[in-house]
Protein backbone atom coordinates (compact mmCIF):
# COMPACT_ATOMS: atom_id res chain seq x y z
CA MET A 1 0.29 -0.11 -0.24
CA ASN A 2 1.71 3.28 -1.18
CA ARG A 3 1.30 6.90 1.05
CA ARG A 4 -1.78 7.96 -1.31
CA ASP A 5 -3.99 4.42 -0.39
CA LEU A 6 -2.88 5.09 3.31
CA LEU A 7 -3.87 8.12 3.56
CA VAL A 8 -7.57 7.68 1.39
CA GLY A 9 -7.73 4.32 3.22
CA ALA A 10 -7.76 6.38 6.93
CA ALA A 11 -9.99 9.30 5.70
CA LEU A 12 -12.50 6.43 5.10
CA SER A 13 -12.13 4.21 7.99
CA GLY A 14 -13.75 7.35 9.79
CA LEU A 15 -16.28 8.88 7.15
CA SER A 16 -19.41 7.88 5.36
CA CYS A 17 -18.52 8.93 2.09
CA SER A 18 -16.95 7.77 -0.89
CA LYS A 19 -13.03 6.56 -1.47
CA SER A 20 -14.24 9.69 -5.11
CA ASP A 21 -15.16 12.02 -2.67
CA VAL A 22 -11.97 11.21 -0.37
CA GLU A 23 -9.46 11.67 -2.81
CA ALA A 24 -11.07 15.38 -3.84
CA ARG A 25 -9.72 15.91 -0.10
CA VAL A 26 -6.27 14.37 -0.50
CA VAL A 27 -3.14 17.14 -0.35
CA LEU A 28 -1.17 15.98 -3.48
CA GLU A 29 2.46 15.31 -2.58
CA LYS A 30 4.87 16.96 -5.33
CA SER A 31 5.74 15.57 -8.10
CA ASN A 32 9.16 14.53 -8.97
CA VAL A 33 10.53 16.19 -12.55
CA ALA A 34 13.81 16.01 -13.85
CA VAL A 35 14.52 18.44 -16.27
CA ILE A 36 18.11 17.36 -18.66
CA LYS A 37 20.29 19.67 -21.07
CA ALA A 38 20.64 17.65 -23.91
CA SER A 39 22.29 19.61 -27.52
CA SER A 40 22.55 16.69 -29.66
CA TYR A 41 20.29 13.23 -30.46
CA GLU A 42 24.19 12.08 -30.89
CA SER A 43 26.10 12.59 -28.09
CA GLU A 44 25.38 10.25 -24.93
CA LEU A 45 21.61 10.14 -24.82
CA LEU A 46 21.44 7.37 -23.50
CA SER A 47 23.37 8.48 -20.13
CA LYS A 48 21.54 11.93 -19.90
CA LEU A 49 18.08 9.62 -19.94
CA GLU A 50 19.73 7.62 -17.42
CA GLU A 51 20.58 10.83 -15.51
CA GLY A 52 16.84 12.05 -15.43
CA MET A 53 14.96 8.37 -14.24
CA ARG A 54 17.35 8.78 -11.52
CA GLU A 55 16.29 12.35 -10.98
CA ALA A 56 13.02 11.75 -11.81
CA TRP A 57 11.89 7.84 -11.29
CA PRO A 58 14.41 6.54 -8.00
CA ASP A 59 12.39 3.48 -7.56
CA ALA A 60 11.93 3.03 -11.39
CA PRO A 61 14.20 -0.18 -11.44
CA ALA A 62 12.50 -2.29 -8.98
CA PHE A 63 8.99 -2.01 -10.81
CA VAL A 64 9.87 -1.63 -14.54
CA ARG A 65 11.92 -5.07 -14.04
CA ASP A 66 10.44 -7.83 -16.10
CA LYS A 67 7.49 -5.60 -16.64
CA THR A 68 5.98 -4.99 -20.20
CA VAL A 69 6.73 -1.52 -21.47
CA VAL A 70 5.51 0.54 -24.14
CA LEU A 71 6.63 3.64 -25.79
CA LYS A 72 4.09 5.62 -26.88
CA PRO A 73 5.30 8.51 -29.04
CA ASN A 74 4.64 11.64 -31.36
CA LEU A 75 4.46 10.07 -34.57
CA VAL A 76 1.79 12.42 -36.67
CA GLU A 77 3.35 13.20 -40.55
CA PHE A 78 6.53 13.87 -42.03
CA ASP A 79 8.04 17.07 -43.52
CA GLN A 80 11.73 16.61 -43.70
CA ASN A 81 12.25 20.66 -43.25
CA THR A 82 10.60 20.52 -39.86
CA CYS A 83 10.15 18.45 -36.45
CA ILE A 84 6.74 16.94 -36.40
CA ASN A 85 8.22 13.80 -34.75
CA THR A 86 10.28 12.44 -32.30
CA ASP A 87 12.99 11.73 -33.22
CA PRO A 88 13.63 8.23 -33.34
CA ARG A 89 16.73 8.32 -32.16
CA LEU A 90 15.51 9.41 -28.81
CA VAL A 91 13.46 6.87 -29.10
CA LEU A 92 15.79 4.01 -29.45
CA ALA A 93 17.77 6.46 -26.46
CA CYS A 94 14.25 4.83 -24.42
CA ARG A 95 14.02 1.77 -25.92
CA GLU A 96 17.51 0.70 -24.70
CA LEU A 97 17.11 2.04 -21.48
CA PHE A 98 14.03 0.21 -20.13
CA LEU A 99 15.43 -2.84 -21.27
CA LYS A 100 18.73 -1.92 -19.75
CA LEU A 101 16.27 -1.57 -15.86
CA GLY A 102 15.14 -4.92 -16.41
CA ALA A 103 12.30 -4.73 -18.56
CA LYS A 104 10.80 -7.89 -20.06
CA SER A 105 10.05 -6.57 -23.60
CA VAL A 106 9.69 -2.73 -25.08
CA LEU A 107 7.26 -2.62 -27.30
CA ILE A 108 6.94 0.52 -29.84
CA ALA A 109 3.15 1.83 -30.38
CA GLU A 110 1.57 5.09 -32.35
CA GLY A 111 -2.00 5.23 -34.19
CA PRO A 112 -1.92 8.44 -36.56
CA GLY A 113 -4.10 10.95 -36.86
CA HIS A 114 -3.79 11.01 -40.37
CA ARG A 115 -1.86 9.14 -42.33
CA ARG A 116 -3.31 5.40 -42.53
CA ASP A 117 -0.31 3.98 -43.52
CA THR A 118 1.46 3.96 -40.49
CA TRP A 119 4.59 1.97 -41.62
CA ASP A 120 5.07 4.02 -44.76
CA LEU A 121 5.37 6.92 -42.51
CA ALA A 122 7.81 4.84 -40.07
CA ASP A 123 9.74 4.79 -42.73
CA GLN A 124 9.86 8.06 -44.19
CA ALA A 125 10.85 9.63 -40.14
CA GLY A 126 13.49 7.53 -40.46
CA TYR A 127 12.12 4.72 -37.56
CA ARG A 128 12.94 1.91 -39.14
CA LYS A 129 16.05 3.00 -40.39
CA ILE A 130 17.60 3.79 -37.05
CA ILE A 131 15.68 1.21 -35.04
CA SER A 132 17.01 -2.35 -36.04
CA ASP A 133 14.26 -4.83 -35.37
CA PHE A 134 11.47 -1.12 -35.61
CA ASP A 135 9.56 -4.48 -37.32
CA GLY A 136 8.96 -6.91 -34.58
CA SER A 137 9.15 -4.33 -32.23
CA PHE A 138 6.57 -2.31 -33.73
CA VAL A 139 1.84 -2.62 -32.85
CA ASP A 140 0.28 0.08 -35.28
CA LEU A 141 -2.53 0.99 -32.77
CA ASN A 142 -4.85 2.01 -35.47
CA LEU A 143 -5.69 -1.52 -35.81
CA ASP A 144 -4.80 -3.05 -32.29
CA ASP A 145 -7.80 -5.28 -30.97
CA VAL A 146 -9.72 -2.72 -28.68
CA LYS A 147 -11.04 -3.38 -24.85
CA SER A 148 -13.85 -1.09 -23.66
CA VAL A 149 -13.91 1.21 -21.42
CA ARG A 150 -16.36 3.63 -19.73
CA ALA A 151 -15.26 7.52 -20.38
CA TYR A 152 -16.26 10.88 -20.23
CA GLY A 153 -18.49 10.79 -16.89
CA ASP A 154 -19.29 7.08 -17.60
CA SER A 155 -21.75 8.40 -20.75
CA MET A 156 -20.28 6.21 -22.82
CA ASP A 157 -17.54 3.06 -24.23
CA LEU A 158 -14.25 4.30 -26.07
CA PHE A 159 -12.33 1.26 -27.55
CA LEU A 160 -9.07 1.60 -26.76
CA PRO A 161 -6.15 -1.07 -28.11
CA LYS A 162 -5.27 -4.22 -25.99
CA SER A 163 -1.19 -3.37 -26.20
CA ILE A 164 -2.25 0.05 -23.93
CA LEU A 165 -4.35 -1.00 -21.43
CA ASP A 166 -2.42 -4.34 -20.87
CA ALA A 167 1.20 -3.03 -20.39
CA ASP A 168 2.40 -2.34 -17.73
CA LEU A 169 4.03 0.93 -18.22
CA VAL A 170 3.21 2.98 -20.89
CA VAL A 171 5.98 5.93 -21.90
CA SER A 172 4.93 8.99 -23.55
CA VAL A 173 7.87 9.52 -25.54
CA ALA A 174 6.10 13.38 -26.68
CA LYS A 175 7.82 16.29 -28.75
CA MET A 176 7.20 19.51 -27.36
CA LYS A 177 5.25 21.80 -29.74
CA THR A 178 3.26 24.87 -29.60
CA HIS A 179 -0.27 23.37 -30.96
CA HIS A 180 -2.92 25.97 -32.91
CA TRP A 181 -5.93 24.76 -30.44
CA ALA A 182 -4.86 23.04 -27.81
CA ALA A 183 -1.51 25.89 -26.94
CA ALA A 184 0.77 23.37 -26.67
CA THR A 185 1.06 19.28 -27.15
CA LEU A 186 3.49 17.53 -25.19
CA SER A 187 3.00 13.76 -23.02
CA MET A 188 -0.60 14.09 -22.34
CA LYS A 189 -1.61 15.03 -25.81
CA ASN A 190 0.41 12.93 -27.48
CA PHE A 191 -2.18 10.59 -26.11
CA PHE A 192 -4.64 11.17 -29.08
CA GLY A 193 -2.93 8.59 -31.21
CA ILE A 194 -4.16 6.20 -28.87
CA VAL A 195 -7.23 6.23 -29.71
CA PRO A 196 -7.79 3.69 -32.73
CA GLY A 197 -8.38 5.01 -36.07
CA SER A 198 -10.27 1.94 -37.49
CA ILE A 199 -12.95 2.66 -35.29
CA TYR A 200 -13.11 6.48 -35.18
CA GLY A 201 -11.58 7.94 -38.66
CA TRP A 202 -8.87 10.00 -39.15
CA PRO A 203 -8.37 12.78 -37.55
CA LYS A 204 -10.22 10.96 -34.82
CA ASN A 205 -13.35 13.15 -34.62
CA LEU A 206 -15.00 11.13 -31.69
CA LEU A 207 -12.10 13.01 -29.40
CA HIS A 208 -12.98 16.72 -31.37
CA TYR A 209 -16.76 16.44 -31.28
CA GLN A 210 -15.90 16.04 -27.13
CA GLY A 211 -13.65 19.06 -26.79
CA ILE A 212 -10.16 18.58 -26.74
CA ASP A 213 -9.45 19.90 -23.96
CA LYS A 214 -11.19 17.20 -22.48
CA SER A 215 -10.46 14.32 -24.05
CA ILE A 216 -6.80 15.05 -23.28
CA VAL A 217 -7.98 15.22 -19.85
CA GLU A 218 -10.12 11.84 -20.30
CA LEU A 219 -7.04 10.14 -22.15
CA ASN A 220 -4.67 10.18 -19.10
CA ARG A 221 -7.12 9.11 -16.44
CA ILE A 222 -8.01 6.51 -18.29
CA VAL A 223 -4.56 5.58 -18.90
CA ARG A 224 -2.69 6.13 -15.33
CA HIS A 225 -0.25 3.56 -15.91
CA THR A 226 2.05 6.19 -17.39
CA PHE A 227 5.83 7.91 -17.38
CA ALA A 228 6.74 10.80 -19.59
CA ILE A 229 9.58 11.48 -21.48
CA VAL A 230 9.74 15.01 -23.79
CA ASP A 231 11.37 15.38 -27.05
CA GLY A 232 12.42 19.25 -26.44
CA ILE A 233 16.31 18.74 -28.01
CA VAL A 234 14.97 20.13 -31.47
CA ALA A 235 11.64 21.67 -30.82
CA MET A 236 8.49 23.37 -32.68
CA GLU A 237 7.26 26.45 -32.32
CA GLY A 238 4.91 28.55 -34.43
CA ASN A 239 1.45 27.70 -35.77
CA GLY A 240 2.67 23.43 -34.68
CA PRO A 241 1.70 20.75 -34.52
CA ILE A 242 2.99 20.23 -37.53
CA GLN A 243 3.27 23.73 -40.10
CA GLY A 244 5.33 25.36 -36.85
CA THR A 245 9.19 26.08 -37.14
CA PRO A 246 11.65 24.16 -35.77
CA VAL A 247 13.73 25.50 -32.39
CA SER A 248 17.10 24.23 -30.29
CA ALA A 249 15.20 23.67 -26.82
CA GLY A 250 17.53 21.50 -26.39
CA VAL A 251 16.33 19.69 -23.01
CA VAL A 252 14.41 16.34 -22.40
CA VAL A 253 11.91 16.20 -19.53
CA MET A 254 11.22 13.64 -17.17
CA GLY A 255 8.40 12.55 -14.59
CA LYS A 256 5.50 10.19 -13.46
CA ASP A 257 3.08 12.74 -13.58
CA VAL A 258 2.19 13.64 -16.53
CA ALA A 259 0.64 16.76 -15.74
CA ALA A 260 3.35 17.98 -14.11
CA VAL A 261 5.82 17.04 -16.96
CA ASP A 262 3.87 19.12 -19.38
CA SER A 263 3.76 22.05 -16.79
CA THR A 264 7.47 21.99 -16.38
CA CYS A 265 7.47 21.69 -20.45
CA ALA A 266 5.15 25.12 -20.61
CA ARG A 267 6.72 27.37 -18.32
CA LEU A 268 10.23 26.45 -20.76
CA MET A 269 8.32 28.28 -23.36
CA LYS A 270 7.82 30.60 -21.32
CA LEU A 271 3.55 29.53 -21.48
CA ASP A 272 1.76 29.73 -18.13
CA PRO A 273 0.43 26.20 -17.92
CA LEU A 274 -2.70 27.44 -15.14
CA LYS A 275 -3.54 29.39 -18.06
CA ILE A 276 -3.41 26.51 -20.49
CA ALA A 277 -7.49 24.91 -20.02
CA TYR A 278 -6.26 20.89 -20.46
CA LEU A 279 -3.96 21.61 -17.71
CA LYS A 280 -5.79 24.08 -15.71
CA ASN A 281 -8.97 20.99 -16.18
CA SER A 282 -6.54 18.15 -15.44
CA ALA A 283 -5.26 20.33 -11.78
CA ALA A 284 -9.04 20.82 -10.87
CA LEU A 285 -9.08 16.33 -10.90
CA ARG A 286 -6.74 16.63 -7.93
CA ILE A 287 -5.32 12.70 -8.91
CA PRO A 288 -2.79 12.47 -6.91
CA GLY A 289 0.06 11.65 -10.73
CA LEU A 290 -2.12 13.93 -12.53
CA GLY A 291 -2.87 17.56 -10.89
CA ALA A 292 0.56 19.00 -10.04
CA VAL A 293 0.51 22.00 -12.22
CA GLU A 294 1.47 24.42 -9.27
CA GLU A 295 5.03 25.12 -9.00
CA ALA A 296 4.70 24.25 -5.20
CA GLN A 297 4.13 21.11 -6.73
CA ILE A 298 6.20 20.32 -8.61
CA GLU A 299 9.89 19.02 -7.19
CA GLN A 300 11.89 20.12 -9.72
CA ARG A 301 15.73 18.20 -10.76
CA GLY A 302 17.94 18.59 -13.13
CA GLU A 303 18.51 21.89 -14.57
CA THR A 304 16.52 24.69 -13.42
CA ILE A 305 13.29 26.11 -15.67
CA SER A 306 15.41 29.80 -15.94
CA SER A 307 18.42 28.38 -17.35
CA LEU A 308 16.61 26.58 -20.12
CA SER A 309 13.84 28.68 -21.15
CA ARG A 310 12.94 30.69 -23.52
CA PRO A 311 9.85 32.39 -25.33
CA PHE A 312 7.90 29.60 -27.98
CA ALA A 313 6.13 31.65 -30.60
CA VAL A 314 2.56 30.89 -31.10
CA ILE A 315 -0.16 32.41 -32.72
CA ASP A 316 -2.29 35.20 -32.46
CA ASP A 317 -4.81 33.14 -30.22
CA PHE A 318 -2.39 31.99 -27.59
CA ALA A 319 -0.61 35.51 -27.16
CA GLY A 320 -2.01 35.75 -23.80
CA LEU A 321 -0.89 32.53 -22.45
CA ARG A 322 2.87 34.49 -21.93
CA LEU A 323 4.72 34.63 -18.73
CA ALA A 324 6.02 36.98 -17.87
């Protein structure tokens, strides 16, 4: 039993209320987030990820050993003149990291919202070239077998891939980018790629009908066995997530609390996370591991935000999100 369960159990023992009622009153512990300086995809990337893991999740070796890990990169579109996708060299280093930690298997899984031929996209983006056994370790989530889960306040069944729901750990290996609808697309928005196109079509309009910010939070509420690694070595600013401009941010951000990781990324981008709708909504849930948005709730480790932050260009609609 962890500290959070102990707190909830103790509260329930003396009160006639539901577990969900008590969870809302639990004081959230600080969430560890590691900010690691990394100027290149070529030099010592694995050792930098190991450094970040020690800072962000010291208990990772004990948890990961003999477990099934799924890496969920951001693989959306390809344009050789920009940086839309999580760099395959970082994905390869992440795979090596979790195998070194003792994982039983490490799969790579994605369900692009634009492209129907995922294998062709992976080829164009360099995944099949960089990751030698890519074809044997990749799952196309658009075509995977699915299970139903209750979603959106139990108002509907949402069908999600078994590879995600059955994994012991799902790692959102996201790209640090601005987004023309959500303001920023980071580890939480990256989970749009787990919704299968074979059921919901392209570009998965169900998520848009339900509301983008609402859907971001809901997917992360459902998939709770997670860790986040955000690729900000070369990031994207401006009219992201596809038509933006590459920017060398020189950073990798890591942590178990996806909201804390995204809030840290927002501050590195000089955006106010308390004004980004999906982060504000996530914080309101008060769920441990999904609610640390304010700076006081985050145990910042590694490099300081001030030493690596820089203002990212955003579209005019989000100019009001800038930090002073």
